Each structure stands twice: as C-alpha cells, then as structure tokens.
Amino acid sequence: MFALMQATFTEWWIVAVYALGCISLAYHLAHGFQSAFKTLGVHNKRYNTMLISLGYGYAIVIAVIFILMPVSFIMGWIG
C-alpha cells in the first residue's frame, strides 16, 4: 500500500485533485455534524453558534489530516 501511495502521490495534479476532494469532504462533514444535532432536536439560539463552530472545527481537522498524507509525499517528507 505504501508503494502504491508513493507512486500515486508523486504527481502534483493528483495531489491537487485529492486536496479538493478533501475540502469537499470537509463541507460535507460540517453540514452533517450540524444536521445530526438538528435531527436530535438540539437547534436553538443558545447552542446553534457553538454547534456550527464545532462542526467546522471537526471538519477542518479531518480534512487537514487527510490532506497531509499526499502533501508529505509530494514535499519529500516521507519516502
């Protein structure tokens, strides 16, 4: 698996497409986080701002972690 990732993530355009996909994933996760709490009935002025912030924070952390893998290959930090 490592050799496949190393061969795949040496092309800059593949890394760019992968990063764009991860950014799309972040928006999807942020929306899903907020929608899950709305489904559970937690949707009022008191908690709404906090839940939106937590959702975006969670989504950004996950996206950055996923983006670091191909970036580390293209920058030569791994392999």
PDB file of N, CA and C in Angstrom:
ATOM      1  N   MET A   1       0.824  -1.177   0.000  1.00  0.00           N
ATOM      2  CA  MET A   1       0.000   0.000   0.000  1.00  0.00           C
ATOM      3  C   MET A   1       0.882   1.259   0.000  1.00  0.00           C
ATOM      4  N   PHE A   2       1.949   1.198   0.775  1.00  0.00           N
ATOM      5  CA  PHE A   2       2.854   2.345   0.827  1.00  0.00           C
ATOM      6  C   PHE A   2       3.442   2.640  -0.550  1.00  0.00           C
ATOM      7  N   ALA A   3       3.848   1.583  -1.269  1.00  0.00           N
ATOM      8  CA  ALA A   3       4.440   1.781  -2.597  1.00  0.00           C
ATOM      9  C   ALA A   3       3.416   2.362  -3.571  1.00  0.00           C
ATOM     10  N   LEU A   4       2.171   1.943  -3.468  1.00  0.00           N
ATOM     11  CA  LEU A   4       1.122   2.482  -4.325  1.00  0.00           C
ATOM     12  C   LEU A   4       0.876   3.957  -4.027  1.00  0.00           C
ATOM     13  N   MET A   5       0.825   4.304  -2.749  1.00  0.00           N
ATOM     14  CA  MET A   5       0.648   5.710  -2.375  1.00  0.00           C
ATOM     15  C   MET A   5       1.841   6.539  -2.828  1.00  0.00           C
ATOM     16  N   GLN A   6       3.023   5.999  -2.679  1.00  0.00           N
ATOM     17  CA  GLN A   6       4.228   6.718  -3.082  1.00  0.00           C
ATOM     18  C   GLN A   6       4.234   6.965  -4.587  1.00  0.00           C
ATOM     19  N   ALA A   7       3.818   5.988  -5.363  1.00  0.00           N
ATOM     20  CA  ALA A   7       3.784   6.150  -6.814  1.00  0.00           C
ATOM     21  C   ALA A   7       2.673   7.106  -7.247  1.00  0.00           C
ATOM     22  N   THR A   8       1.544   7.049  -6.566  1.00  0.00           N
ATOM     23  CA  THR A   8       0.392   7.867  -6.944  1.00  0.00           C
ATOM     24  C   THR A   8       0.599   9.326  -6.585  1.00  0.00           C
ATOM     25  N   PHE A   9       1.092   9.591  -5.397  1.00  0.00           N
ATOM     26  CA  PHE A   9       1.176  10.962  -4.906  1.00  0.00           C
ATOM     27  C   PHE A   9       2.470  11.676  -5.285  1.00  0.00           C
ATOM     28  N   THR A  10       3.128  11.236  -6.335  1.00  0.00           N
ATOM     29  CA  THR A  10       4.284  11.980  -6.836  1.00  0.00           C
ATOM     30  C   THR A  10       3.881  12.972  -7.922  1.00  0.00           C
ATOM     31  N   GLU A  11       2.666  12.866  -8.427  1.00  0.00           N
ATOM     32  CA  GLU A  11       2.145  13.796  -9.428  1.00  0.00           C
ATOM     33  C   GLU A  11       1.419  14.931  -8.716  1.00  0.00           C
ATOM     34  N   TRP A  12       1.792  16.179  -9.023  1.00  0.00           N
ATOM     35  CA  TRP A  12       1.210  17.321  -8.327  1.00  0.00           C
ATOM     36  C   TRP A  12      -0.277  17.465  -8.598  1.00  0.00           C
ATOM     37  N   TRP A  13      -0.732  17.128  -9.816  1.00  0.00           N
ATOM     38  CA  TRP A  13      -2.144  17.310 -10.139  1.00  0.00           C
ATOM     39  C   TRP A  13      -3.022  16.301  -9.408  1.00  0.00           C
ATOM     40  N   ILE A  14      -2.492  15.115  -9.147  1.00  0.00           N
ATOM     41  CA  ILE A  14      -3.250  14.129  -8.369  1.00  0.00           C
ATOM     42  C   ILE A  14      -3.395  14.615  -6.937  1.00  0.00           C
ATOM     43  N   VAL A  15      -2.335  15.195  -6.390  1.00  0.00           N
ATOM     44  CA  VAL A  15      -2.403  15.747  -5.034  1.00  0.00           C
ATOM     45  C   VAL A  15      -3.405  16.894  -4.978  1.00  0.00           C
ATOM     46  N   ALA A  16      -3.437  17.733  -6.008  1.00  0.00           N
ATOM     47  CA  ALA A  16      -4.378  18.857  -6.038  1.00  0.00           C
ATOM     48  C   ALA A  16      -5.824  18.366  -6.095  1.00  0.00           C
ATOM     49  N   VAL A  17      -6.084  17.370  -6.930  1.00  0.00           N
ATOM     50  CA  VAL A  17      -7.444  16.817  -7.024  1.00  0.00           C
ATOM     51  C   VAL A  17      -7.835  16.157  -5.705  1.00  0.00           C
ATOM     52  N   TYR A  18      -6.907  15.441  -5.099  1.00  0.00           N
ATOM     53  CA  TYR A  18      -7.161  14.800  -3.807  1.00  0.00           C
ATOM     54  C   TYR A  18      -7.460  15.850  -2.736  1.00  0.00           C
ATOM     55  N   ALA A  19      -6.710  16.936  -2.732  1.00  0.00           N
ATOM     56  CA  ALA A  19      -6.936  18.002  -1.754  1.00  0.00           C
ATOM     57  C   ALA A  19      -8.299  18.655  -1.966  1.00  0.00           C
ATOM     58  N   LEU A  20      -8.694  18.875  -3.215  1.00  0.00           N
ATOM     59  CA  LEU A  20     -10.020  19.419  -3.499  1.00  0.00           C
ATOM     60  C   LEU A  20     -11.115  18.467  -3.024  1.00  0.00           C
ATOM     61  N   GLY A  21     -10.888  17.188  -3.189  1.00  0.00           N
ATOM     62  CA  GLY A  21     -11.836  16.197  -2.681  1.00  0.00           C
ATOM     63  C   GLY A  21     -11.938  16.245  -1.167  1.00  0.00           C
ATOM     64  N   CYS A  22     -10.814  16.445  -0.499  1.00  0.00           N
ATOM     65  CA  CYS A  22     -10.821  16.545   0.966  1.00  0.00           C
ATOM     66  C   CYS A  22     -11.531  17.812   1.434  1.00  0.00           C
ATOM     67  N   ILE A  23     -11.399  18.886   0.685  1.00  0.00           N
ATOM     68  CA  ILE A  23     -12.111  20.122   1.027  1.00  0.00           C
ATOM     69  C   ILE A  23     -13.615  19.917   0.856  1.00  0.00           C
ATOM     70  N   SER A  24     -14.004  19.197  -0.194  1.00  0.00           N
ATOM     71  CA  SER A  24     -15.417  18.856  -0.366  1.00  0.00           C
ATOM     72  C   SER A  24     -15.911  17.990   0.783  1.00  0.00           C
ATOM     73  N   LEU A  25     -15.073  17.069   1.216  1.00  0.00           N
ATOM     74  CA  LEU A  25     -15.414  16.238   2.366  1.00  0.00           C
ATOM     75  C   LEU A  25     -15.614  17.089   3.609  1.00  0.00           C
ATOM     76  N   ALA A  26     -14.807  18.116   3.773  1.00  0.00           N
ATOM     77  CA  ALA A  26     -14.931  18.985   4.947  1.00  0.00           C
ATOM     78  C   ALA A  26     -16.285  19.690   4.970  1.00  0.00           C
ATOM     79  N   TYR A  27     -16.710  20.207   3.832  1.00  0.00           N
ATOM     80  CA  TYR A  27     -18.030  20.850   3.777  1.00  0.00           C
ATOM     81  C   TYR A  27     -19.140  19.845   4.079  1.00  0.00           C
ATOM     82  N   HIS A  28     -18.996  18.656   3.567  1.00  0.00           N
ATOM     83  CA  HIS A  28     -19.984  17.607   3.808  1.00  0.00           C
ATOM     84  C   HIS A  28     -20.030  17.237   5.301  1.00  0.00           C
ATOM     85  N   LEU A  29     -18.876  17.111   5.916  1.00  0.00           N
ATOM     86  CA  LEU A  29     -18.825  16.780   7.347  1.00  0.00           C
ATOM     87  C   LEU A  29     -19.402  17.892   8.208  1.00  0.00           C
ATOM     88  N   ALA A  30     -19.116  19.131   7.857  1.00  0.00           N
ATOM     89  CA  ALA A  30     -19.646  20.261   8.630  1.00  0.00           C
ATOM     90  C   ALA A  30     -21.168  20.282   8.559  1.00  0.00           C
ATOM     91  N   HIS A  31     -21.704  20.076   7.381  1.00  0.00           N
ATOM     92  CA  HIS A  31     -23.155  20.047   7.226  1.00  0.00           C
ATOM     93  C   HIS A  31     -23.757  18.862   7.976  1.00  0.00           C
ATOM     94  N   GLY A  32     -23.129  17.711   7.861  1.00  0.00           N
ATOM     95  CA  GLY A  32     -23.626  16.517   8.546  1.00  0.00           C
ATOM     96  C   GLY A  32     -23.596  16.654  10.056  1.00  0.00           C
ATOM     97  N   PHE A  33     -22.565  17.281  10.579  1.00  0.00           N
ATOM     98  CA  PHE A  33     -22.455  17.494  12.025  1.00  0.00           C
ATOM     99  C   PHE A  33     -23.615  18.346  12.521  1.00  0.00           C
ATOM    100  N   GLN A  34     -23.879  19.433  11.819  1.00  0.00           N
ATOM    101  CA  GLN A  34     -24.977  20.320  12.215  1.00  0.00           C
ATOM    102  C   GLN A  34     -26.333  19.645  12.025  1.00  0.00           C
ATOM    103  N   SER A  35     -26.505  18.920  10.939  1.00  0.00           N
ATOM    104  CA  SER A  35     -27.776  18.262  10.664  1.00  0.00           C
ATOM    105  C   SER A  35     -28.067  17.159  11.673  1.00  0.00           C
ATOM    106  N   ALA A  36     -27.031  16.485  12.134  1.00  0.00           N
ATOM    107  CA  ALA A  36     -27.237  15.424  13.122  1.00  0.00           C
ATOM    108  C   ALA A  36     -27.833  15.994  14.407  1.00  0.00           C
ATOM    109  N   PHE A  37     -27.339  17.133  14.837  1.00  0.00           N
ATOM    110  CA  PHE A  37     -27.878  17.725  16.054  1.00  0.00           C
ATOM    111  C   PHE A  37     -29.274  18.304  15.835  1.00  0.00           C
ATOM    112  N   LYS A  38     -29.544  18.796  14.627  1.00  0.00           N
ATOM    113  CA  LYS A  38     -30.901  19.262  14.327  1.00  0.00           C
ATOM    114  C   LYS A  38     -31.875  18.086  14.364  1.00  0.00           C
ATOM    115  N   THR A  39     -31.440  16.945  13.852  1.00  0.00           N
ATOM    116  CA  THR A  39     -32.284  15.752  13.873  1.00  0.00           C
ATOM    117  C   THR A  39     -32.580  15.318  15.300  1.00  0.00           C
ATOM    118  N   LEU A  40     -31.615  15.479  16.183  1.00  0.00           N
ATOM    119  CA  LEU A  40     -31.805  15.114  17.587  1.00  0.00           C
ATOM    120  C   LEU A  40     -32.603  16.161  18.354  1.00  0.00           C
ATOM    121  N   GLY A  41     -32.898  17.282  17.718  1.00  0.00           N
ATOM    122  CA  GLY A  41     -33.705  18.311  18.354  1.00  0.00           C
ATOM    123  C   GLY A  41     -32.918  19.408  19.035  1.00  0.00           C
ATOM    124  N   VAL A  42     -31.606  19.402  18.887  1.00  0.00           N
ATOM    125  CA  VAL A  42     -30.771  20.431  19.501  1.00  0.00           C
ATOM    126  C   VAL A  42     -30.570  21.537  18.460  1.00  0.00           C
ATOM    127  N   HIS A  43     -31.534  22.433  18.391  1.00  0.00           N
ATOM    128  CA  HIS A  43     -31.457  23.523  17.425  1.00  0.00           C
ATOM    129  C   HIS A  43     -32.154  24.744  18.026  1.00  0.00           C
ATOM    130  N   ASN A  44     -31.374  25.545  18.722  1.00  0.00           N
ATOM    131  CA  ASN A  44     -31.911  26.791  19.264  1.00  0.00           C
ATOM    132  C   ASN A  44     -30.795  27.834  19.283  1.00  0.00           C
ATOM    133  N   LYS A  45     -31.142  29.044  19.605  1.00  0.00           N
ATOM    134  CA  LYS A  45     -30.168  30.143  19.560  1.00  0.00           C
ATOM    135  C   LYS A  45     -29.019  29.932  20.535  1.00  0.00           C
ATOM    136  N   ARG A  46     -29.301  29.275  21.629  1.00  0.00           N
ATOM    137  CA  ARG A  46     -28.274  29.098  22.659  1.00  0.00           C
ATOM    138  C   ARG A  46     -27.137  28.199  22.185  1.00  0.00           C
ATOM    139  N   TYR A  47     -27.457  27.120  21.479  1.00  0.00           N
ATOM    140  CA  TYR A  47     -26.451  26.139  21.086  1.00  0.00           C
ATOM    141  C   TYR A  47     -26.063  26.204  19.614  1.00  0.00           C
ATOM    142  N   ASN A  48     -26.811  26.916  18.809  1.00  0.00           N
ATOM    143  CA  ASN A  48     -26.586  26.898  17.375  1.00  0.00           C
ATOM    144  C   ASN A  48     -25.189  27.382  16.988  1.00  0.00           C
ATOM    145  N   THR A  49     -24.742  28.494  17.530  1.00  0.00           N
ATOM    146  CA  THR A  49     -23.413  29.026  17.199  1.00  0.00           C
ATOM    147  C   THR A  49     -22.314  28.061  17.628  1.00  0.00           C
ATOM    148  N   MET A  50     -22.465  27.468  18.795  1.00  0.00           N
ATOM    149  CA  MET A  50     -21.466  26.520  19.281  1.00  0.00           C
ATOM    150  C   MET A  50     -21.412  25.285  18.381  1.00  0.00           C
ATOM    151  N   LEU A  51     -22.566  24.773  17.976  1.00  0.00           N
ATOM    152  CA  LEU A  51     -22.591  23.586  17.131  1.00  0.00           C
ATOM    153  C   LEU A  51     -22.029  23.862  15.742  1.00  0.00           C
ATOM    154  N   ILE A  52     -22.303  25.033  15.208  1.00  0.00           N
ATOM    155  CA  ILE A  52     -21.727  25.399  13.911  1.00  0.00           C
ATOM    156  C   ILE A  52     -20.208  25.482  14.016  1.00  0.00           C
ATOM    157  N   SER A  53     -19.708  26.089  15.082  1.00  0.00           N
ATOM    158  CA  SER A  53     -18.261  26.206  15.279  1.00  0.00           C
ATOM    159  C   SER A  53     -17.605  24.849  15.462  1.00  0.00           C
ATOM    160  N   LEU A  54     -18.219  23.998  16.259  1.00  0.00           N
ATOM    161  CA  LEU A  54     -17.680  22.651  16.462  1.00  0.00           C
ATOM    162  C   LEU A  54     -17.692  21.844  15.173  1.00  0.00           C
ATOM    163  N   GLY A  55     -18.751  21.986  14.394  1.00  0.00           N
ATOM    164  CA  GLY A  55     -18.843  21.266  13.127  1.00  0.00           C
ATOM    165  C   GLY A  55     -17.761  21.678  12.152  1.00  0.00           C
ATOM    166  N   TYR A  56     -17.542  22.990  12.038  1.00  0.00           N
ATOM    167  CA  TYR A  56     -16.482  23.453  11.145  1.00  0.00           C
ATOM    168  C   TYR A  56     -15.096  23.075  11.677  1.00  0.00           C
ATOM    169  N   GLY A  57     -14.897  23.155  12.974  1.00  0.00           N
ATOM    170  CA  GLY A  57     -13.615  22.751  13.556  1.00  0.00           C
ATOM    171  C   GLY A  57     -13.321  21.284  13.308  1.00  0.00           C
ATOM    172  N   TYR A  58     -14.325  20.431  13.541  1.00  0.00           N
ATOM    173  CA  TYR A  58     -14.179  18.994  13.302  1.00  0.00           C
ATOM    174  C   TYR A  58     -13.866  18.727  11.832  1.00  0.00           C
ATOM    175  N   ALA A  59     -14.601  19.378  10.948  1.00  0.00           N
ATOM    176  CA  ALA A  59     -14.417  19.163   9.515  1.00  0.00           C
ATOM    177  C   ALA A  59     -13.029  19.609   9.057  1.00  0.00           C
ATOM    178  N   ILE A  60     -12.559  20.727   9.563  1.00  0.00           N
ATOM    179  CA  ILE A  60     -11.235  21.228   9.173  1.00  0.00           C
ATOM    180  C   ILE A  60     -10.137  20.299   9.659  1.00  0.00           C
ATOM    181  N   VAL A  61     -10.245  19.819  10.887  1.00  0.00           N
ATOM    182  CA  VAL A  61      -9.223  18.910  11.422  1.00  0.00           C
ATOM    183  C   VAL A  61      -9.153  17.627  10.592  1.00  0.00           C
ATOM    184  N   ILE A  62     -10.298  17.041  10.286  1.00  0.00           N
ATOM    185  CA  ILE A  62     -10.317  15.804   9.496  1.00  0.00           C
ATOM    186  C   ILE A  62      -9.738  16.054   8.100  1.00  0.00           C
ATOM    187  N   ALA A  63     -10.138  17.136   7.448  1.00  0.00           N
ATOM    188  CA  ALA A  63      -9.635  17.433   6.102  1.00  0.00           C
ATOM    189  C   ALA A  63      -8.126  17.669   6.100  1.00  0.00           C
ATOM    190  N   VAL A  64      -7.632  18.395   7.073  1.00  0.00           N
ATOM    191  CA  VAL A  64      -6.191  18.668   7.141  1.00  0.00           C
ATOM    192  C   VAL A  64      -5.404  17.377   7.357  1.00  0.00           C
ATOM    193  N   ILE A  65      -5.902  16.505   8.203  1.00  0.00           N
ATOM    194  CA  ILE A  65      -5.216  15.228   8.444  1.00  0.00           C
ATOM    195  C   ILE A  65      -5.148  14.408   7.154  1.00  0.00           C
ATOM    196  N   PHE A  66      -6.261  14.360   6.410  1.00  0.00           N
ATOM    197  CA  PHE A  66      -6.268  13.619   5.155  1.00  0.00           C
ATOM    198  C   PHE A  66      -5.382  14.273   4.099  1.00  0.00           C
ATOM    199  N   ILE A  67      -5.331  15.588   4.056  1.00  0.00           N
ATOM    200  CA  ILE A  67      -4.515  16.293   3.061  1.00  0.00           C
ATOM    201  C   ILE A  67      -3.023  16.164   3.367  1.00  0.00           C
ATOM    202  N   LEU A  68      -2.661  16.017   4.627  1.00  0.00           N
ATOM    203  CA  LEU A  68      -1.240  15.921   4.980  1.00  0.00           C
ATOM    204  C   LEU A  68      -0.552  14.691   4.391  1.00  0.00           C
ATOM    205  N   MET A  69      -1.300  13.617   4.172  1.00  0.00           N
ATOM    206  CA  MET A  69      -0.680  12.411   3.636  1.00  0.00           C
ATOM    207  C   MET A  69      -0.101  12.637   2.235  1.00  0.00           C
ATOM    208  N   PRO A  70      -0.888  13.073   1.246  1.00  0.00           N
ATOM    209  CA  PRO A  70      -0.272  13.273  -0.076  1.00  0.00           C
ATOM    210  C   PRO A  70       0.700  14.447  -0.123  1.00  0.00           C
ATOM    211  N   VAL A  71       0.455  15.461   0.687  1.00  0.00           N
ATOM    212  CA  VAL A  71       1.379  16.597   0.714  1.00  0.00           C
ATOM    213  C   VAL A  71       2.742  16.151   1.240  1.00  0.00           C
ATOM    214  N   SER A  72       2.743  15.264   2.212  1.00  0.00           N
ATOM    215  CA  SER A  72       4.017  14.783   2.747  1.00  0.00           C
ATOM    216  C   SER A  72       4.792  13.970   1.713  1.00  0.00           C
ATOM    217  N   PHE A  73       4.089  13.266   0.837  1.00  0.00           N
ATOM    218  CA  PHE A  73       4.780  12.540  -0.231  1.00  0.00           C
ATOM    219  C   PHE A  73       5.349  13.503  -1.269  1.00  0.00           C
ATOM    220  N   ILE A  74       4.551  14.490  -1.685  1.00  0.00           N
ATOM    221  CA  ILE A  74       4.995  15.390  -2.753  1.00  0.00           C
ATOM    222  C   ILE A  74       6.123  16.315  -2.275  1.00  0.00           C
ATOM    223  N   MET A  75       6.122  16.651  -0.983  1.00  0.00           N
ATOM    224  CA  MET A  75       7.161  17.515  -0.441  1.00  0.00           C
ATOM    225  C   MET A  75       8.433  16.747  -0.067  1.00  0.00           C
ATOM    226  N   GLY A  76       8.352  15.420  -0.098  1.00  0.00           N
ATOM    227  CA  GLY A  76       9.520  14.606   0.211  1.00  0.00           C
ATOM    228  C   GLY A  76       9.730  14.359   1.688  1.00  0.00           C
ATOM    229  N   TRP A  77       8.713  14.596   2.502  1.00  0.00           N
ATOM    230  CA  TRP A  77       8.837  14.364   3.949  1.00  0.00           C
ATOM    231  C   TRP A  77       8.801  12.869   4.262  1.00  0.00           C
ATOM    232  N   ILE A  78       8.170  12.091   3.376  1.00  0.00           N
ATOM    233  CA  ILE A  78       8.064  10.624   3.540  1.00  0.00           C
ATOM    234  C   ILE A  78       8.560   9.991   2.249  1.00  0.00           C
ATOM    235  N   GLY A  79       9.235   8.875   2.385  1.00  0.00           N
ATOM    236  CA  GLY A  79       9.571   8.060   1.236  1.00  0.00           C
ATOM    237  C   GLY A  79      10.806   8.437   0.551  1.00  0.00           C
TER     238      GLY A  79
END
